[in-house]
Amino acid sequence: MLYVERLFESLQPLYNQPWLPYALGVIGVIFAYSVFKTLSKLPKLVMYPIIGTTCFIICMSWVYHRNEPEMLTPIVDAIAPWLPGKV
């Protein structure tokens, strides 16, 4: 655990850099692509439920915490009354 704390302390100056969100976005896209490529090697009967379940969990989290992207707010507003939400 000490190594993780040292890592976060050494990365602290990067948090104020304007390019950090873009770099994290690129890393996220590369990670998602590699996960999709790995899942595509599985049978489709296994791959699609895993992808569907992941999308469902993300959408439910957006509805519960109301931290969805701005462009999806009208859709989440439409389905939020029927789903549980954080009070």
Protein backbone atom coordinates (compact mmCIF):
# COMPACT_ATOMS: atom_id res chain seq x y z
CA MET A 1 0.00 0.00 0.00
CA LEU A 2 2.95 2.29 0.60
CA TYR A 3 3.91 1.99 -3.08
CA VAL A 4 0.45 3.17 -4.16
CA GLU A 5 0.66 6.18 -1.87
CA ARG A 6 4.09 7.06 -3.25
CA LEU A 7 2.77 6.69 -6.79
CA PHE A 8 -0.14 9.08 -6.14
CA GLU A 9 2.20 11.57 -4.46
CA SER A 10 4.57 11.48 -7.43
CA LEU A 11 1.65 12.00 -9.86
CA GLN A 12 0.21 14.95 -7.91
CA PRO A 13 1.85 17.62 -10.15
CA LEU A 14 0.14 16.07 -13.19
CA TYR A 15 -3.38 16.71 -11.86
CA ASN A 16 -3.18 20.39 -12.79
CA GLN A 17 -2.07 19.74 -16.38
CA PRO A 18 -4.68 20.59 -19.05
CA TRP A 19 -3.84 17.52 -21.17
CA LEU A 20 -4.45 14.97 -18.38
CA PRO A 21 -8.19 14.37 -19.11
CA TYR A 22 -7.39 13.80 -22.78
CA ALA A 23 -4.58 11.39 -21.95
CA LEU A 24 -6.88 9.47 -19.60
CA GLY A 25 -9.53 9.41 -22.33
CA VAL A 26 -7.09 7.95 -24.85
CA ILE A 27 -5.96 5.34 -22.33
CA GLY A 28 -9.63 4.51 -21.64
CA VAL A 29 -10.39 4.08 -25.35
CA ILE A 30 -7.36 1.83 -25.80
CA PHE A 31 -8.39 -0.21 -22.76
CA ALA A 32 -11.99 -0.53 -24.00
CA TYR A 33 -10.76 -1.61 -27.44
CA SER A 34 -8.50 -4.27 -25.95
CA VAL A 35 -11.31 -5.56 -23.72
CA PHE A 36 -13.66 -5.70 -26.73
CA LYS A 37 -11.06 -7.56 -28.79
CA THR A 38 -10.60 -10.03 -25.94
CA LEU A 39 -14.35 -10.50 -25.59
CA SER A 40 -14.78 -10.93 -29.33
CA LYS A 41 -12.69 -14.11 -29.12
CA LEU A 42 -15.38 -15.59 -26.87
CA PRO A 43 -18.54 -17.13 -28.27
CA LYS A 44 -21.23 -14.54 -29.02
CA LEU A 45 -23.54 -16.20 -26.52
CA VAL A 46 -21.06 -15.20 -23.81
CA MET A 47 -19.83 -11.89 -25.26
CA TYR A 48 -23.18 -10.12 -25.70
CA PRO A 49 -24.50 -10.76 -22.16
CA ILE A 50 -21.23 -9.47 -20.70
CA ILE A 51 -21.39 -6.28 -22.79
CA GLY A 52 -25.12 -5.86 -22.10
CA THR A 53 -24.71 -6.33 -18.36
CA THR A 54 -21.87 -3.81 -18.28
CA CYS A 55 -23.94 -1.23 -20.17
CA PHE A 56 -26.92 -1.87 -17.89
CA ILE A 57 -24.82 -1.35 -14.74
CA ILE A 58 -23.36 1.91 -16.12
CA CYS A 59 -26.83 3.22 -17.05
CA MET A 60 -28.28 2.31 -13.66
CA SER A 61 -25.38 4.09 -11.98
CA TRP A 62 -26.08 7.20 -14.07
CA VAL A 63 -29.76 7.14 -13.09
CA TYR A 64 -29.05 6.52 -9.41
CA HIS A 65 -26.30 9.12 -8.99
CA ARG A 66 -27.50 11.45 -11.81
CA ASN A 67 -23.98 11.88 -13.16
CA GLU A 68 -24.77 11.04 -16.79
CA PRO A 69 -23.17 12.90 -19.71
CA GLU A 70 -25.03 16.10 -20.64
CA MET A 71 -26.21 14.80 -24.00
CA LEU A 72 -27.97 11.85 -22.30
CA THR A 73 -29.77 13.93 -19.67
CA PRO A 74 -33.12 14.04 -21.56
CA ILE A 75 -33.13 10.23 -21.85
CA VAL A 76 -32.22 9.75 -18.20
CA ASP A 77 -34.88 12.32 -17.21
CA ALA A 78 -37.46 10.22 -19.05
CA ILE A 79 -36.58 6.92 -17.34
CA ALA A 80 -35.54 8.24 -13.90
CA PRO A 81 -39.07 8.37 -12.39
CA TRP A 82 -39.44 4.60 -12.73
CA LEU A 83 -36.03 3.66 -11.36
CA PRO A 84 -34.56 4.10 -7.88
CA GLY A 85 -32.51 7.22 -7.29
CA LYS A 86 -30.28 8.70 -4.67
CA VAL A 87 -32.27 10.99 -2.40
